[in-house]
Amino acid sequence: MINFVDVAKYLGHYIHTSLSDNPHLRSRMGKANQVFGALRQPLFANKNVWRKVKASVLVTMVVPTLLDGAECCAVTAATLREMESMYLRWVRTCLGVTPYTQRKFKTTSEELLQRLGVHPLHHYLDLKVLAYAGHVQRMPDTRLPKITRNSHLAGPRKVGRPSKSRRDGVKDSLKRKEICVETWRQKVVDKKSWAQTIRNIPKSQGTCASWARASGRKSRAAPAWAHKTLQLIGCNVE
């Protein structure tokens, strides 16, 4: 349990005495939920709004609110699962699908994302993490962000696995993007080429490459009475 009494806010980032980034990430989750809740009834839960519009607003407004400052955080696996669970709940709301109907018809989360036309949450997280990592790598060696990234604290450590660092987060993003961990520093020299590289969808993700467009809603055939005026207004009225 995190005690928010020991949290200080500096330049919009929450700093905890344990040096954990979870307070900041949880605060962003609360802010993103507020944005989504404000637009839930008029937009996301409205059946008269196109799915493409819902996906565009979700990706351009709600997701950036959630991932604000995430490129400077060490996102653990447990925190990422919580964020993905909340993200999938937003997707179900946009599609009008409940957890019960998802289990009843055995609909996978990948099918819901493909139906709405959006990518998984880790795709947008990897874009921010790798873009900032490339920006820091192109800095001169005298810049403070690069010195901090390459620094190593010497001394004895406690027993057990060390806490996850931002360097580990960059490695995880590189593995998900199927980019070589050993040669990625040479690729960031060309800024445009690096931007195109991190936007590519790995082939191992299957149908994720075609998720840029929302699937259209099937047109329903008009009922028989719609083509007969007498049945529409009554047999005794002409």
C-alpha atoms as a PDB file:
ATOM      1  CA  MET A   1       0.000   0.000   0.000  1.00  0.00           C
ATOM      2  CA  ILE A   2       1.378   3.405  -0.999  1.00  0.00           C
ATOM      3  CA  ASN A   3       1.159   6.195   1.525  1.00  0.00           C
ATOM      4  CA  PHE A   4       0.397   9.356  -0.431  1.00  0.00           C
ATOM      5  CA  VAL A   5       1.479  11.475   2.568  1.00  0.00           C
ATOM      6  CA  ASP A   6       5.077  10.725   1.544  1.00  0.00           C
ATOM      7  CA  VAL A   7       4.492  11.917  -2.018  1.00  0.00           C
ATOM      8  CA  ALA A   8       5.739  15.241  -3.383  1.00  0.00           C
ATOM      9  CA  LYS A   9       4.659  16.757  -6.693  1.00  0.00           C
ATOM     10  CA  TYR A  10       7.363  18.386  -8.795  1.00  0.00           C
ATOM     11  CA  LEU A  11       6.711  19.684 -12.324  1.00  0.00           C
ATOM     12  CA  GLY A  12       3.603  17.518 -12.605  1.00  0.00           C
ATOM     13  CA  HIS A  13       5.394  14.317 -11.560  1.00  0.00           C
ATOM     14  CA  TYR A  14       4.703  12.605  -8.246  1.00  0.00           C
ATOM     15  CA  ILE A  15       7.856  11.601  -6.369  1.00  0.00           C
ATOM     16  CA  HIS A  16       7.586   9.044  -3.561  1.00  0.00           C
ATOM     17  CA  THR A  17      10.091   8.464  -0.778  1.00  0.00           C
ATOM     18  CA  SER A  18      10.549   4.884  -1.988  1.00  0.00           C
ATOM     19  CA  LEU A  19      11.538   6.240  -5.449  1.00  0.00           C
ATOM     20  CA  SER A  20       8.651   4.281  -6.987  1.00  0.00           C
ATOM     21  CA  ASP A  21       6.802   5.594 -10.037  1.00  0.00           C
ATOM     22  CA  ASN A  22       3.521   3.929  -9.064  1.00  0.00           C
ATOM     23  CA  PRO A  23       2.064   7.093  -7.407  1.00  0.00           C
ATOM     24  CA  HIS A  24       2.527   9.050 -10.634  1.00  0.00           C
ATOM     25  CA  LEU A  25       1.098   6.278 -12.806  1.00  0.00           C
ATOM     26  CA  ARG A  26      -1.908   5.839 -10.517  1.00  0.00           C
ATOM     27  CA  SER A  27      -2.553   9.579 -10.597  1.00  0.00           C
ATOM     28  CA  ARG A  28      -2.527   9.481 -14.415  1.00  0.00           C
ATOM     29  CA  MET A  29      -4.961   6.559 -14.326  1.00  0.00           C
ATOM     30  CA  GLY A  30      -7.319   8.650 -12.200  1.00  0.00           C
ATOM     31  CA  LYS A  31      -7.038  11.648 -14.532  1.00  0.00           C
ATOM     32  CA  ALA A  32      -7.663   9.492 -17.598  1.00  0.00           C
ATOM     33  CA  ASN A  33     -10.724   7.955 -15.941  1.00  0.00           C
ATOM     34  CA  GLN A  34     -12.058  11.453 -15.296  1.00  0.00           C
ATOM     35  CA  VAL A  35     -11.624  12.412 -18.964  1.00  0.00           C
ATOM     36  CA  PHE A  36     -13.274   9.201 -20.131  1.00  0.00           C
ATOM     37  CA  GLY A  37     -16.110   9.576 -17.639  1.00  0.00           C
ATOM     38  CA  ALA A  38     -16.835  13.117 -18.788  1.00  0.00           C
ATOM     39  CA  LEU A  39     -17.210  11.910 -22.393  1.00  0.00           C
ATOM     40  CA  ARG A  40     -18.852   8.571 -21.619  1.00  0.00           C
ATOM     41  CA  GLN A  41     -22.537   9.417 -22.062  1.00  0.00           C
ATOM     42  CA  PRO A  42     -22.346  11.946 -24.919  1.00  0.00           C
ATOM     43  CA  LEU A  43     -19.695  10.121 -26.955  1.00  0.00           C
ATOM     44  CA  PHE A  44     -18.282   6.730 -25.981  1.00  0.00           C
ATOM     45  CA  ALA A  45     -21.523   5.090 -24.823  1.00  0.00           C
ATOM     46  CA  ASN A  46     -23.622   6.760 -27.536  1.00  0.00           C
ATOM     47  CA  LYS A  47     -24.733   4.225 -30.154  1.00  0.00           C
ATOM     48  CA  ASN A  48     -25.311   6.967 -32.743  1.00  0.00           C
ATOM     49  CA  VAL A  49     -21.609   7.914 -32.867  1.00  0.00           C
ATOM     50  CA  TRP A  50     -19.374   6.177 -35.385  1.00  0.00           C
ATOM     51  CA  ARG A  51     -16.743   3.812 -34.080  1.00  0.00           C
ATOM     52  CA  LYS A  52     -14.070   5.665 -36.013  1.00  0.00           C
ATOM     53  CA  VAL A  53     -14.879   8.854 -34.115  1.00  0.00           C
ATOM     54  CA  LYS A  54     -14.780   7.022 -30.783  1.00  0.00           C
ATOM     55  CA  ALA A  55     -11.425   5.459 -31.628  1.00  0.00           C
ATOM     56  CA  SER A  56      -9.953   8.807 -32.708  1.00  0.00           C
ATOM     57  CA  VAL A  57     -11.041  10.578 -29.514  1.00  0.00           C
ATOM     58  CA  LEU A  58      -9.875   7.669 -27.368  1.00  0.00           C
ATOM     59  CA  VAL A  59      -6.409   7.610 -28.935  1.00  0.00           C
ATOM     60  CA  THR A  60      -5.893  11.378 -29.147  1.00  0.00           C
ATOM     61  CA  MET A  61      -7.372  12.504 -25.814  1.00  0.00           C
ATOM     62  CA  VAL A  62      -7.756   9.728 -23.239  1.00  0.00           C
ATOM     63  CA  VAL A  63      -4.670   7.602 -23.952  1.00  0.00           C
ATOM     64  CA  PRO A  64      -2.237  10.589 -23.931  1.00  0.00           C
ATOM     65  CA  THR A  65      -3.709  11.631 -20.593  1.00  0.00           C
ATOM     66  CA  LEU A  66      -3.043   8.146 -19.258  1.00  0.00           C
ATOM     67  CA  LEU A  67       0.526   7.896 -20.601  1.00  0.00           C
ATOM     68  CA  ASP A  68       1.626  11.439 -19.800  1.00  0.00           C
ATOM     69  CA  GLY A  69       5.154  11.185 -18.389  1.00  0.00           C
ATOM     70  CA  ALA A  70       5.240   7.389 -18.745  1.00  0.00           C
ATOM     71  CA  GLU A  71       8.407   7.587 -20.859  1.00  0.00           C
ATOM     72  CA  CYS A  72      10.263   8.780 -17.736  1.00  0.00           C
ATOM     73  CA  CYS A  73       8.821   6.050 -15.497  1.00  0.00           C
ATOM     74  CA  ALA A  74       9.745   2.448 -14.816  1.00  0.00           C
ATOM     75  CA  VAL A  75       6.436   0.749 -15.634  1.00  0.00           C
ATOM     76  CA  THR A  76       6.321  -2.616 -13.911  1.00  0.00           C
ATOM     77  CA  ALA A  77       4.423  -5.616 -15.261  1.00  0.00           C
ATOM     78  CA  ALA A  78       1.780  -5.368 -12.536  1.00  0.00           C
ATOM     79  CA  THR A  79       1.134  -1.678 -13.219  1.00  0.00           C
ATOM     80  CA  LEU A  80       0.983  -2.308 -16.965  1.00  0.00           C
ATOM     81  CA  ARG A  81      -1.646  -5.014 -16.414  1.00  0.00           C
ATOM     82  CA  GLU A  82      -3.772  -2.573 -14.415  1.00  0.00           C
ATOM     83  CA  MET A  83      -3.500   0.048 -17.153  1.00  0.00           C
ATOM     84  CA  GLU A  84      -4.329  -2.484 -19.868  1.00  0.00           C
ATOM     85  CA  SER A  85      -7.340  -3.707 -17.888  1.00  0.00           C
ATOM     86  CA  MET A  86      -8.667  -0.153 -17.663  1.00  0.00           C
ATOM     87  CA  TYR A  87      -7.924   0.404 -21.365  1.00  0.00           C
ATOM     88  CA  LEU A  88      -9.881  -2.710 -22.364  1.00  0.00           C
ATOM     89  CA  ARG A  89     -12.785  -1.544 -20.208  1.00  0.00           C
ATOM     90  CA  TRP A  90     -12.844   1.667 -22.251  1.00  0.00           C
ATOM     91  CA  VAL A  91     -12.831  -0.353 -25.476  1.00  0.00           C
ATOM     92  CA  ARG A  92     -15.784  -2.460 -24.307  1.00  0.00           C
ATOM     93  CA  THR A  93     -17.705   0.706 -23.467  1.00  0.00           C
ATOM     94  CA  CYS A  94     -17.089   2.107 -26.947  1.00  0.00           C
ATOM     95  CA  LEU A  95     -18.358  -1.116 -28.521  1.00  0.00           C
ATOM     96  CA  GLY A  96     -21.277  -1.585 -26.137  1.00  0.00           C
ATOM     97  CA  VAL A  97     -19.929  -4.938 -24.949  1.00  0.00           C
ATOM     98  CA  THR A  98     -20.178  -6.085 -21.341  1.00  0.00           C
ATOM     99  CA  PRO A  99     -17.822  -8.558 -19.644  1.00  0.00           C
ATOM    100  CA  TYR A 100     -20.714 -11.045 -19.517  1.00  0.00           C
ATOM    101  CA  THR A 101     -21.332 -10.951 -23.271  1.00  0.00           C
ATOM    102  CA  GLN A 102     -17.601 -11.146 -23.919  1.00  0.00           C
ATOM    103  CA  ARG A 103     -17.372 -14.368 -21.907  1.00  0.00           C
ATOM    104  CA  LYS A 104     -20.644 -15.713 -23.352  1.00  0.00           C
ATOM    105  CA  PHE A 105     -19.579 -15.387 -26.994  1.00  0.00           C
ATOM    106  CA  LYS A 106     -15.900 -16.123 -26.189  1.00  0.00           C
ATOM    107  CA  THR A 107     -14.699 -12.876 -27.722  1.00  0.00           C
ATOM    108  CA  THR A 108     -11.009 -12.222 -27.229  1.00  0.00           C
ATOM    109  CA  SER A 109      -9.546  -8.848 -26.385  1.00  0.00           C
ATOM    110  CA  GLU A 110      -7.680  -8.816 -29.718  1.00  0.00           C
ATOM    111  CA  GLU A 111     -10.986  -9.123 -31.571  1.00  0.00           C
ATOM    112  CA  LEU A 112     -12.428  -6.181 -29.620  1.00  0.00           C
ATOM    113  CA  LEU A 113      -9.409  -4.026 -30.404  1.00  0.00           C
ATOM    114  CA  GLN A 114      -9.600  -4.963 -34.066  1.00  0.00           C
ATOM    115  CA  ARG A 115     -13.333  -4.217 -34.155  1.00  0.00           C
ATOM    116  CA  LEU A 116     -12.782  -0.722 -32.770  1.00  0.00           C
ATOM    117  CA  GLY A 117      -9.692  -0.107 -34.878  1.00  0.00           C
ATOM    118  CA  VAL A 118      -7.150   0.649 -32.148  1.00  0.00           C
ATOM    119  CA  HIS A 119      -3.859  -0.895 -31.044  1.00  0.00           C
ATOM    120  CA  PRO A 120      -3.056  -2.482 -27.683  1.00  0.00           C
ATOM    121  CA  LEU A 121      -2.000  -0.103 -24.940  1.00  0.00           C
ATOM    122  CA  HIS A 122       1.612  -1.279 -24.927  1.00  0.00           C
ATOM    123  CA  HIS A 123       1.897  -0.121 -28.561  1.00  0.00           C
ATOM    124  CA  TYR A 124       1.313   3.515 -27.549  1.00  0.00           C
ATOM    125  CA  LEU A 125       3.550   3.096 -24.491  1.00  0.00           C
ATOM    126  CA  ASP A 126       6.383   1.730 -26.618  1.00  0.00           C
ATOM    127  CA  LEU A 127       6.109   4.697 -28.982  1.00  0.00           C
ATOM    128  CA  LYS A 128       6.626   7.158 -26.138  1.00  0.00           C
ATOM    129  CA  VAL A 129       9.389   5.171 -24.447  1.00  0.00           C
ATOM    130  CA  LEU A 130      11.412   4.521 -27.601  1.00  0.00           C
ATOM    131  CA  ALA A 131      10.939   8.038 -28.960  1.00  0.00           C
ATOM    132  CA  TYR A 132      12.287   9.537 -25.744  1.00  0.00           C
ATOM    133  CA  ALA A 133      15.090   6.960 -25.570  1.00  0.00           C
ATOM    134  CA  GLY A 134      16.190   7.935 -29.065  1.00  0.00           C
ATOM    135  CA  HIS A 135      16.000  11.625 -28.145  1.00  0.00           C
ATOM    136  CA  VAL A 136      18.276  11.091 -25.145  1.00  0.00           C
ATOM    137  CA  GLN A 137      20.677   8.955 -27.164  1.00  0.00           C
ATOM    138  CA  ARG A 138      21.130  11.745 -29.733  1.00  0.00           C
ATOM    139  CA  MET A 139      22.051  14.213 -26.980  1.00  0.00           C
ATOM    140  CA  PRO A 140      25.708  15.133 -26.355  1.00  0.00           C
ATOM    141  CA  ASP A 141      27.459  13.229 -23.585  1.00  0.00           C
ATOM    142  CA  THR A 142      27.546  16.389 -21.458  1.00  0.00           C
ATOM    143  CA  ARG A 143      23.755  16.634 -21.131  1.00  0.00           C
ATOM    144  CA  LEU A 144      22.315  15.745 -17.729  1.00  0.00           C
ATOM    145  CA  PRO A 145      19.580  13.311 -19.004  1.00  0.00           C
ATOM    146  CA  LYS A 146      22.194  11.219 -20.782  1.00  0.00           C
ATOM    147  CA  ILE A 147      24.559  11.298 -17.808  1.00  0.00           C
ATOM    148  CA  THR A 148      21.722  10.153 -15.546  1.00  0.00           C
ATOM    149  CA  ARG A 149      20.772   7.339 -17.896  1.00  0.00           C
ATOM    150  CA  ASN A 150      24.322   6.016 -18.177  1.00  0.00           C
ATOM    151  CA  SER A 151      25.131   6.386 -14.477  1.00  0.00           C
ATOM    152  CA  HIS A 152      25.429   3.387 -12.185  1.00  0.00           C
ATOM    153  CA  LEU A 153      25.221   3.493  -8.400  1.00  0.00           C
ATOM    154  CA  ALA A 154      28.015   1.480  -6.816  1.00  0.00           C
ATOM    155  CA  GLY A 155      27.765  -0.211  -3.464  1.00  0.00           C
ATOM    156  CA  PRO A 156      26.112  -3.223  -1.814  1.00  0.00           C
ATOM    157  CA  ARG A 157      22.546  -4.103  -2.741  1.00  0.00           C
ATOM    158  CA  LYS A 158      19.856  -5.932  -0.854  1.00  0.00           C
ATOM    159  CA  VAL A 159      19.130  -9.586  -1.502  1.00  0.00           C
ATOM    160  CA  GLY A 160      16.697 -10.282  -4.336  1.00  0.00           C
ATOM    161  CA  ARG A 161      15.945  -8.942  -7.749  1.00  0.00           C
ATOM    162  CA  PRO A 162      16.680  -5.206  -8.085  1.00  0.00           C
ATOM    163  CA  SER A 163      13.827  -2.835  -8.801  1.00  0.00           C
ATOM    164  CA  LYS A 164      12.905  -2.264 -12.414  1.00  0.00           C
ATOM    165  CA  SER A 165      14.625   0.737 -13.966  1.00  0.00           C
ATOM    166  CA  ARG A 166      13.901   2.837 -17.023  1.00  0.00           C
ATOM    167  CA  ARG A 167      16.674   1.005 -18.831  1.00  0.00           C
ATOM    168  CA  ASP A 168      14.761  -2.244 -18.319  1.00  0.00           C
ATOM    169  CA  GLY A 169      11.611  -0.550 -19.636  1.00  0.00           C
ATOM    170  CA  VAL A 170      13.449   0.422 -22.827  1.00  0.00           C
ATOM    171  CA  LYS A 171      14.634  -3.178 -23.280  1.00  0.00           C
ATOM    172  CA  ASP A 172      11.084  -4.478 -22.859  1.00  0.00           C
ATOM    173  CA  SER A 173       9.803  -2.015 -25.481  1.00  0.00           C
ATOM    174  CA  LEU A 174      12.575  -3.005 -27.885  1.00  0.00           C
ATOM    175  CA  LYS A 175      11.706  -6.687 -27.482  1.00  0.00           C
ATOM    176  CA  ARG A 176       8.010  -6.052 -28.124  1.00  0.00           C
ATOM    177  CA  LYS A 177       8.934  -4.088 -31.259  1.00  0.00           C
ATOM    178  CA  GLU A 178      11.400  -6.841 -32.298  1.00  0.00           C
ATOM    179  CA  ILE A 179      14.297  -4.382 -32.465  1.00  0.00           C
ATOM    180  CA  CYS A 180      17.804  -5.607 -31.690  1.00  0.00           C
ATOM    181  CA  VAL A 181      18.763  -4.554 -28.170  1.00  0.00           C
ATOM    182  CA  GLU A 182      22.471  -4.405 -29.007  1.00  0.00           C
ATOM    183  CA  THR A 183      22.319  -2.264 -32.166  1.00  0.00           C
ATOM    184  CA  TRP A 184      19.412   0.116 -31.489  1.00  0.00           C
ATOM    185  CA  ARG A 185      21.759   2.958 -30.490  1.00  0.00           C
ATOM    186  CA  GLN A 186      23.201   3.071 -34.003  1.00  0.00           C
ATOM    187  CA  LYS A 187      19.735   3.275 -35.544  1.00  0.00           C
ATOM    188  CA  VAL A 188      18.612   6.379 -33.620  1.00  0.00           C
ATOM    189  CA  VAL A 189      21.136   8.604 -35.392  1.00  0.00           C
ATOM    190  CA  ASP A 190      18.694   9.072 -38.273  1.00  0.00           C
ATOM    191  CA  LYS A 191      15.677  10.634 -36.589  1.00  0.00           C
ATOM    192  CA  LYS A 192      13.177  10.002 -39.409  1.00  0.00           C
ATOM    193  CA  SER A 193      14.267   6.410 -39.902  1.00  0.00           C
ATOM    194  CA  TRP A 194      14.000   5.734 -36.157  1.00  0.00           C
ATOM    195  CA  ALA A 195      10.514   7.251 -36.035  1.00  0.00           C
ATOM    196  CA  GLN A 196       9.419   4.959 -38.856  1.00  0.00           C
ATOM    197  CA  THR A 197      11.048   1.945 -37.190  1.00  0.00           C
ATOM    198  CA  ILE A 198       9.228   2.324 -33.877  1.00  0.00           C
ATOM    199  CA  ARG A 199       5.895   2.814 -35.676  1.00  0.00           C
ATOM    200  CA  ASN A 200       6.140  -0.450 -37.571  1.00  0.00           C
ATOM    201  CA  ILE A 201       3.960  -3.318 -36.364  1.00  0.00           C
ATOM    202  CA  PRO A 202       5.885  -6.574 -35.769  1.00  0.00           C
ATOM    203  CA  LYS A 203       4.785  -9.483 -37.936  1.00  0.00           C
ATOM    204  CA  SER A 204       4.456 -11.722 -34.877  1.00  0.00           C
ATOM    205  CA  GLN A 205       1.385  -9.730 -33.800  1.00  0.00           C
ATOM    206  CA  GLY A 206      -0.586 -11.176 -36.715  1.00  0.00           C
ATOM    207  CA  THR A 207      -3.635  -9.087 -37.625  1.00  0.00           C
ATOM    208  CA  CYS A 208      -2.445  -6.045 -35.661  1.00  0.00           C
ATOM    209  CA  ALA A 209      -1.138  -4.520 -38.894  1.00  0.00           C
ATOM    210  CA  SER A 210      -4.683  -3.998 -40.168  1.00  0.00           C
ATOM    211  CA  TRP A 211      -5.995  -2.345 -37.009  1.00  0.00           C
ATOM    212  CA  ALA A 212      -5.606   1.207 -38.296  1.00  0.00           C
ATOM    213  CA  ARG A 213      -9.189   1.215 -39.589  1.00  0.00           C
ATOM    214  CA  ALA A 214     -12.293   0.451 -37.584  1.00  0.00           C
ATOM    215  CA  SER A 215     -14.475  -2.329 -38.875  1.00  0.00           C
ATOM    216  CA  GLY A 216     -17.709  -1.066 -40.376  1.00  0.00           C
ATOM    217  CA  ARG A 217     -21.094  -1.918 -38.977  1.00  0.00           C
ATOM    218  CA  LYS A 218     -23.074  -4.446 -41.006  1.00  0.00           C
ATOM    219  CA  SER A 219     -26.064  -2.976 -42.797  1.00  0.00           C
ATOM    220  CA  ARG A 220     -29.382  -4.492 -41.844  1.00  0.00           C
ATOM    221  CA  ALA A 221     -32.020  -5.377 -44.406  1.00  0.00           C
ATOM    222  CA  ALA A 222     -35.194  -3.276 -44.236  1.00  0.00           C
ATOM    223  CA  PRO A 223     -38.257  -5.158 -42.918  1.00  0.00           C
ATOM    224  CA  ALA A 224     -41.055  -6.188 -45.268  1.00  0.00           C
ATOM    225  CA  TRP A 225     -43.528  -3.622 -43.935  1.00  0.00           C
ATOM    226  CA  ALA A 226     -41.204  -0.766 -44.848  1.00  0.00           C
ATOM    227  CA  HIS A 227     -41.963  -1.305 -48.572  1.00  0.00           C
ATOM    228  CA  LYS A 228     -45.761  -1.494 -48.172  1.00  0.00           C
ATOM    229  CA  THR A 229     -47.531   1.712 -47.305  1.00  0.00           C
ATOM    230  CA  LEU A 230     -50.790   0.036 -46.227  1.00  0.00           C
ATOM    231  CA  GLN A 231     -49.069  -2.067 -43.630  1.00  0.00           C
ATOM    232  CA  LEU A 232     -47.159   0.972 -42.423  1.00  0.00           C
ATOM    233  CA  ILE A 233     -50.072   3.360 -41.826  1.00  0.00           C
ATOM    234  CA  GLY A 234     -52.939   0.877 -41.547  1.00  0.00           C
ATOM    235  CA  CYS A 235     -55.199  -1.065 -43.909  1.00  0.00           C
ATOM    236  CA  ASN A 236     -58.131   1.384 -43.628  1.00  0.00           C
ATOM    237  CA  VAL A 237     -56.132   4.526 -44.416  1.00  0.00           C
ATOM    238  CA  GLU A 238     -55.145   5.531 -47.941  1.00  0.00           C
END
